[in-house]
């Protein structure tokens, strides 16, 4: 048995190393500009299977399968998870679009027919997150077999890995990149994909990659450490709000295509609010832990 486990561990390590090496050389070619990626996998007539959609779908299903593995720790049935995922995805996409349109109303008020064309781009993760939380809250009240905090913890324990995978859709679209940079890992952006005013710049911060790596780090912390050691439901959600928002606040400061609330970046405002709320909630739960020990 021990030899079998050792062999399996070595095999997994070799596979991960091979994938990481292949990804490194692939990114090196794309970031240098020697290789230009396209935003779709294949096209039949006017239909295109876009990388953006595939990345988002892959992220959702990865999070779903990881959540199923943790159901034994929650008073949530597989049927509840399946149904909750169905409604969460629908309202999450709707929320992501409403949020994006609201912060770009000056454009969509002039071109209202574009509001429904999500295939033209325009989904905001904060909008999806808030819509999903509202859906979870309503669903938990209807089912009455578990409470909102149970479902929120399960959701936020796997959400970062879904976000990490989904961000690669921005890579294939050459979007959500940051300011021009001369750093060795600066990403080449084709002229037709450059934001107006930066036509003469060639390499930009790959903020999609920064956020993907940060999300992956948050996932490892929450799923493999916090979920196994927490003493109260709510700890995972509180820490997700803090950890994800810290990274998002910094990365958003680099981006050139931020949604704006007046002269401020909307994502940074929301991130600050979530950090304060999450930290306060976590401090409250830690206080409960202390009181439980004293009792």
Protein backbone atom coordinates (compact mmCIF):
# COMPACT_ATOMS: atom_id res chain seq x y z
CA UNK A 1 0.00 0.00 0.00
CA UNK A 2 2.78 2.41 0.87
CA UNK A 3 4.58 1.75 -2.41
CA UNK A 4 1.33 2.25 -4.28
CA UNK A 5 0.69 5.60 -2.60
CA UNK A 6 4.28 6.69 -3.24
CA UNK A 7 4.04 5.75 -6.92
CA UNK A 8 0.74 7.61 -7.26
CA UNK A 9 2.17 10.71 -5.57
CA UNK A 10 5.25 10.67 -7.83
CA UNK A 11 3.06 10.17 -10.90
CA UNK A 12 0.83 13.10 -9.97
CA UNK A 13 3.87 15.27 -9.30
CA UNK A 14 5.37 14.42 -12.70
CA UNK A 15 2.08 15.21 -14.45
CA UNK A 16 1.78 18.56 -12.65
CA UNK A 17 5.41 19.39 -13.47
CA UNK A 18 4.89 18.51 -17.15
CA UNK A 19 1.75 20.67 -17.37
CA UNK A 20 3.45 23.58 -15.59
CA UNK A 21 6.47 23.35 -17.92
CA UNK A 22 4.30 23.24 -21.04
CA UNK A 23 2.26 26.20 -19.78
CA UNK A 24 5.43 28.17 -19.06
CA UNK A 25 6.79 27.76 -22.59
CA UNK A 26 3.37 28.44 -24.11
CA UNK A 27 2.99 31.68 -22.16
CA UNK A 28 6.52 32.71 -23.02
CA UNK A 29 5.69 32.50 -26.73
CA UNK A 30 2.39 34.37 -26.35
CA UNK A 31 3.75 37.05 -24.02
CA UNK A 32 6.64 37.72 -26.39
CA UNK A 33 4.26 38.17 -29.33
CA UNK A 34 5.73 35.30 -31.34
CA UNK A 35 2.45 33.45 -30.95
CA UNK A 36 -0.96 35.13 -31.21
CA UNK A 37 -3.88 33.22 -29.72
CA UNK A 38 -7.42 33.48 -31.03
CA UNK A 39 -10.52 33.89 -28.91
CA UNK A 40 -12.37 30.80 -30.20
CA UNK A 41 -11.65 27.09 -30.46
CA UNK A 42 -13.53 26.39 -33.68
CA UNK A 43 -16.15 27.99 -35.89
CA UNK A 44 -19.06 26.51 -37.85
CA UNK A 45 -20.80 29.12 -39.95
CA UNK A 46 -21.50 32.04 -37.63
CA UNK A 47 -21.24 29.90 -34.51
CA UNK A 48 -17.99 30.10 -32.55
CA UNK A 49 -17.08 28.05 -29.51
CA UNK A 50 -15.19 30.68 -27.55
CA UNK A 51 -12.41 30.03 -25.09
CA UNK A 52 -14.05 32.53 -22.70
CA UNK A 53 -17.18 30.37 -22.39
CA UNK A 54 -15.17 27.16 -22.07
CA UNK A 55 -12.98 28.63 -19.31
CA UNK A 56 -15.99 29.82 -17.33
CA UNK A 57 -17.80 26.48 -17.75
CA UNK A 58 -14.65 24.56 -16.77
CA UNK A 59 -14.29 26.72 -13.67
CA UNK A 60 -17.90 26.14 -12.65
CA UNK A 61 -17.75 22.37 -13.07
CA UNK A 62 -14.40 22.11 -11.31
CA UNK A 63 -15.85 24.00 -8.33
CA UNK A 64 -18.95 21.79 -8.46
CA UNK A 65 -17.03 18.50 -8.30
CA UNK A 66 -14.82 19.78 -5.48
CA UNK A 67 -17.92 20.91 -3.58
CA UNK A 68 -19.46 17.44 -3.92
CA UNK A 69 -16.38 15.98 -2.26
CA UNK A 70 -17.01 18.17 0.78
CA UNK A 71 -20.74 17.57 1.14
CA UNK A 72 -20.18 15.11 3.99
CA UNK A 73 -19.14 18.08 6.13
CA UNK A 74 -22.37 19.97 5.46
CA UNK A 75 -26.08 19.36 6.01
CA UNK A 76 -26.57 19.75 2.24
CA UNK A 77 -27.71 16.93 -0.05
CA UNK A 78 -26.33 16.32 -3.56
CA UNK A 79 -29.77 17.21 -4.91
CA UNK A 80 -29.66 20.55 -3.09
CA UNK A 81 -26.22 21.23 -4.53
CA UNK A 82 -27.31 20.39 -8.07
CA UNK A 83 -30.42 22.53 -7.90
CA UNK A 84 -28.60 25.35 -6.15
CA UNK A 85 -25.88 25.31 -8.81
CA UNK A 86 -28.48 25.51 -11.58
CA UNK A 87 -30.15 28.60 -10.15
CA UNK A 88 -26.87 30.08 -8.97
CA UNK A 89 -25.38 29.97 -12.48
CA UNK A 90 -28.46 31.54 -14.06
CA UNK A 91 -28.76 34.40 -11.58
CA UNK A 92 -24.98 34.72 -11.33
CA UNK A 93 -24.70 35.43 -15.05
CA UNK A 94 -27.67 37.79 -14.85
CA UNK A 95 -26.12 39.61 -11.89
CA UNK A 96 -22.74 39.84 -13.62
CA UNK A 97 -24.38 41.44 -16.65
CA UNK A 98 -26.60 43.85 -14.67
CA UNK A 99 -23.59 45.02 -12.64
CA UNK A 100 -21.50 45.60 -15.78
CA UNK A 101 -24.29 47.42 -17.63
CA UNK A 102 -25.04 49.61 -14.61
CA UNK A 103 -21.46 50.88 -14.48
CA UNK A 104 -21.41 51.40 -18.25
CA UNK A 105 -24.85 52.97 -18.52
CA UNK A 106 -23.61 55.94 -20.53
CA UNK A 107 -22.84 53.49 -23.35
CA UNK A 108 -25.78 51.09 -22.98
CA UNK A 109 -28.32 53.90 -22.68
CA UNK A 110 -27.30 54.90 -26.21
CA UNK A 111 -27.20 51.32 -27.51
CA UNK A 112 -29.90 49.45 -25.54
CA UNK A 113 -29.90 46.51 -27.95
CA UNK A 114 -26.38 45.68 -26.75
CA UNK A 115 -27.59 45.07 -23.19
CA UNK A 116 -28.61 41.49 -23.97
CA UNK A 117 -25.60 40.60 -26.14
CA UNK A 118 -23.37 39.09 -23.48
CA UNK A 119 -21.42 37.31 -26.23
CA UNK A 120 -19.97 40.73 -27.02
CA UNK A 121 -18.36 40.72 -23.57
CA UNK A 122 -19.24 42.45 -20.34
CA UNK A 123 -19.56 40.30 -17.20
CA UNK A 124 -18.42 41.50 -13.76
CA UNK A 125 -17.37 38.98 -11.09
CA UNK A 126 -18.63 41.14 -8.21
CA UNK A 127 -22.09 41.22 -9.78
CA UNK A 128 -22.05 37.43 -10.18
CA UNK A 129 -20.86 36.98 -6.59
CA UNK A 130 -23.57 39.13 -5.03
CA UNK A 131 -26.29 37.58 -7.19
CA UNK A 132 -25.09 34.08 -6.25
CA UNK A 133 -25.13 34.95 -2.54
CA UNK A 134 -28.68 36.29 -2.81
CA UNK A 135 -29.71 33.13 -4.64
CA UNK A 136 -28.10 30.96 -1.95
CA UNK A 137 -29.88 32.93 0.77
CA UNK A 138 -33.31 32.59 -0.87
CA UNK A 139 -32.73 28.93 -1.68
CA UNK A 140 -31.69 28.13 1.92
CA UNK A 141 -34.84 29.82 3.22
CA UNK A 142 -37.02 27.80 0.84
CA UNK A 143 -35.36 24.45 1.59
CA UNK A 144 -35.02 24.98 5.37
CA UNK A 145 -32.68 21.96 5.64
CA UNK A 146 -29.58 24.10 5.99
CA UNK A 147 -28.92 27.73 6.68
CA UNK A 148 -27.33 30.40 4.54
CA UNK A 149 -23.92 30.27 6.26
CA UNK A 150 -23.59 26.52 5.57
CA UNK A 151 -24.12 27.02 1.85
CA UNK A 152 -22.02 30.19 1.75
CA UNK A 153 -19.04 28.36 3.26
CA UNK A 154 -19.32 25.53 0.76
CA UNK A 155 -19.64 28.05 -2.08
CA UNK A 156 -16.70 30.24 -1.08
CA UNK A 157 -14.42 27.26 -0.39
CA UNK A 158 -14.48 26.34 -4.10
CA UNK A 159 -15.27 29.69 -5.72
CA UNK A 160 -11.60 30.81 -5.93
CA UNK A 161 -10.61 27.85 -8.11
CA UNK A 162 -13.51 28.62 -10.45
CA UNK A 163 -12.34 32.23 -10.62
CA UNK A 164 -8.74 31.14 -11.23
CA UNK A 165 -9.78 29.05 -14.23
CA UNK A 166 -12.32 31.58 -15.52
CA UNK A 167 -9.71 34.36 -15.66
CA UNK A 168 -7.99 32.52 -18.51
CA UNK A 169 -10.92 33.53 -20.69
CA UNK A 170 -9.54 37.08 -20.43
CA UNK A 171 -6.19 35.78 -21.65
CA UNK A 172 -7.63 34.39 -24.89
CA UNK A 173 -9.62 37.61 -25.40
CA UNK A 174 -6.58 39.84 -24.77
CA UNK A 175 -8.57 41.82 -22.20
CA UNK A 176 -8.43 42.74 -18.51
CA UNK A 177 -4.73 43.54 -18.80
CA UNK A 178 -2.86 46.20 -16.88
CA UNK A 179 -0.65 49.20 -17.50
CA UNK A 180 2.27 49.09 -19.95
CA UNK A 181 5.36 47.45 -18.50
CA UNK A 182 8.93 46.54 -19.40
CA UNK A 183 9.05 43.65 -16.94
CA UNK A 184 10.25 40.32 -18.36
CA UNK A 185 6.77 38.83 -17.99
CA UNK A 186 4.97 41.68 -19.74
CA UNK A 187 2.27 40.41 -22.12
CA UNK A 188 2.26 41.40 -25.77
CA UNK A 189 -1.14 42.71 -26.86
CA UNK A 190 -1.94 42.90 -30.60
CA UNK A 191 -2.61 46.47 -31.90
CA UNK A 192 -6.30 45.80 -32.53
CA UNK A 193 -6.75 44.70 -28.89
CA UNK A 194 -5.06 47.70 -27.30
CA UNK A 195 -7.08 50.24 -25.37
CA UNK A 196 -7.29 53.65 -27.10
CA UNK A 197 -4.46 55.88 -25.93
CA UNK A 198 -2.05 52.97 -25.59
CA UNK A 199 -1.66 52.18 -29.28
CA UNK A 200 2.11 52.70 -29.21
CA UNK A 201 2.67 50.41 -26.22
CA UNK A 202 3.27 46.73 -26.91
CA UNK A 203 3.61 44.93 -23.55
CA UNK A 204 1.28 45.17 -20.57
CA UNK A 205 0.88 43.71 -17.08
CA UNK A 206 -0.87 40.29 -17.41
CA UNK A 207 -3.34 41.08 -14.64
CA UNK A 208 -5.46 38.08 -15.61
CA UNK A 209 -2.49 35.91 -14.60
CA UNK A 210 -1.88 37.83 -11.37
CA UNK A 211 -5.48 37.31 -10.32
CA UNK A 212 -5.57 33.68 -11.44
CA UNK A 213 -2.50 32.88 -9.31
CA UNK A 214 -3.90 34.84 -6.36
CA UNK A 215 -7.24 33.05 -6.63
CA UNK A 216 -5.46 29.70 -6.72
CA UNK A 217 -3.55 30.63 -3.56
CA UNK A 218 -6.79 31.65 -1.81
CA UNK A 219 -8.36 28.35 -2.88
CA UNK A 220 -5.51 26.30 -1.38
CA UNK A 221 -5.76 28.24 1.91
CA UNK A 222 -9.54 27.92 2.19
CA UNK A 223 -10.16 24.44 0.81
CA UNK A 224 -7.21 22.55 2.25
CA UNK A 225 -6.46 24.46 5.46
CA UNK A 226 -9.36 26.57 6.75
CA UNK A 227 -12.08 24.04 5.89
CA UNK A 228 -10.29 21.34 7.89
CA UNK A 229 -9.54 23.48 10.94
CA UNK A 230 -12.49 25.84 11.29
CA UNK A 231 -14.57 25.67 14.44
CA UNK A 232 -17.57 27.70 13.28
CA UNK A 233 -19.46 27.94 10.01
CA UNK A 234 -18.83 31.35 8.50
CA UNK A 235 -15.05 31.34 8.90
CA UNK A 236 -14.46 30.26 5.29
CA UNK A 237 -16.76 32.92 3.89
CA UNK A 238 -15.30 35.66 6.09
CA UNK A 239 -11.74 34.78 5.08
CA UNK A 240 -12.71 34.55 1.41
CA UNK A 241 -14.06 38.11 1.55
CA UNK A 242 -10.79 39.34 3.07
CA UNK A 243 -8.27 37.34 1.07
CA UNK A 244 -9.83 37.62 -2.36
CA UNK A 245 -10.54 41.32 -1.90
CA UNK A 246 -6.97 42.13 -0.85
CA UNK A 247 -5.65 40.68 -4.09
CA UNK A 248 -8.41 42.20 -6.18
CA UNK A 249 -7.84 45.66 -4.70
CA UNK A 250 -4.15 45.62 -5.65
CA UNK A 251 -4.64 44.07 -9.09
CA UNK A 252 -7.48 46.44 -9.96
CA UNK A 253 -5.09 49.35 -9.45
CA UNK A 254 -3.05 48.05 -12.39
CA UNK A 255 -5.90 47.52 -14.84
CA UNK A 256 -6.73 49.89 -17.67
CA UNK A 257 -10.36 48.83 -18.17
CA UNK A 258 -11.79 49.20 -14.66
CA UNK A 259 -15.47 49.93 -14.11
CA UNK A 260 -15.65 53.39 -12.57
CA UNK A 261 -17.88 54.91 -9.90
CA UNK A 262 -17.23 58.58 -10.57
CA UNK A 263 -13.47 59.00 -10.29
CA UNK A 264 -13.00 55.82 -8.24
CA UNK A 265 -12.58 52.23 -9.36
CA UNK A 266 -15.77 50.35 -8.48
CA UNK A 267 -13.96 47.07 -7.76
CA UNK A 268 -11.62 48.77 -5.29
CA UNK A 269 -14.52 50.37 -3.43
CA UNK A 270 -16.35 47.03 -3.22
CA UNK A 271 -13.13 45.28 -2.19
CA UNK A 272 -12.58 47.68 0.71
CA UNK A 273 -16.14 47.17 1.92
CA UNK A 274 -15.78 43.37 1.72
CA UNK A 275 -12.42 43.44 3.54
CA UNK A 276 -13.91 45.44 6.42
CA UNK A 277 -17.03 43.27 6.60
CA UNK A 278 -15.10 40.00 6.31
CA UNK A 279 -12.49 41.00 8.90
CA UNK A 280 -15.19 42.09 11.34
CA UNK A 281 -17.11 38.85 10.85
CA UNK A 282 -13.97 36.75 11.30
CA UNK A 283 -13.02 38.66 14.47
CA UNK A 284 -16.51 37.98 15.84
CA UNK A 285 -16.16 34.25 15.12
CA UNK A 286 -12.72 34.17 16.75
CA UNK A 287 -14.29 35.84 19.78
CA UNK A 288 -16.83 33.04 19.91
CA UNK A 289 -13.99 30.51 19.78
CA UNK A 290 -12.33 32.19 22.75
CA UNK A 291 -15.55 32.20 24.74
CA UNK A 292 -16.15 28.52 23.93
CA UNK A 293 -12.68 27.62 25.21
CA UNK A 294 -13.19 29.59 28.45
CA UNK A 295 -16.49 27.81 29.07
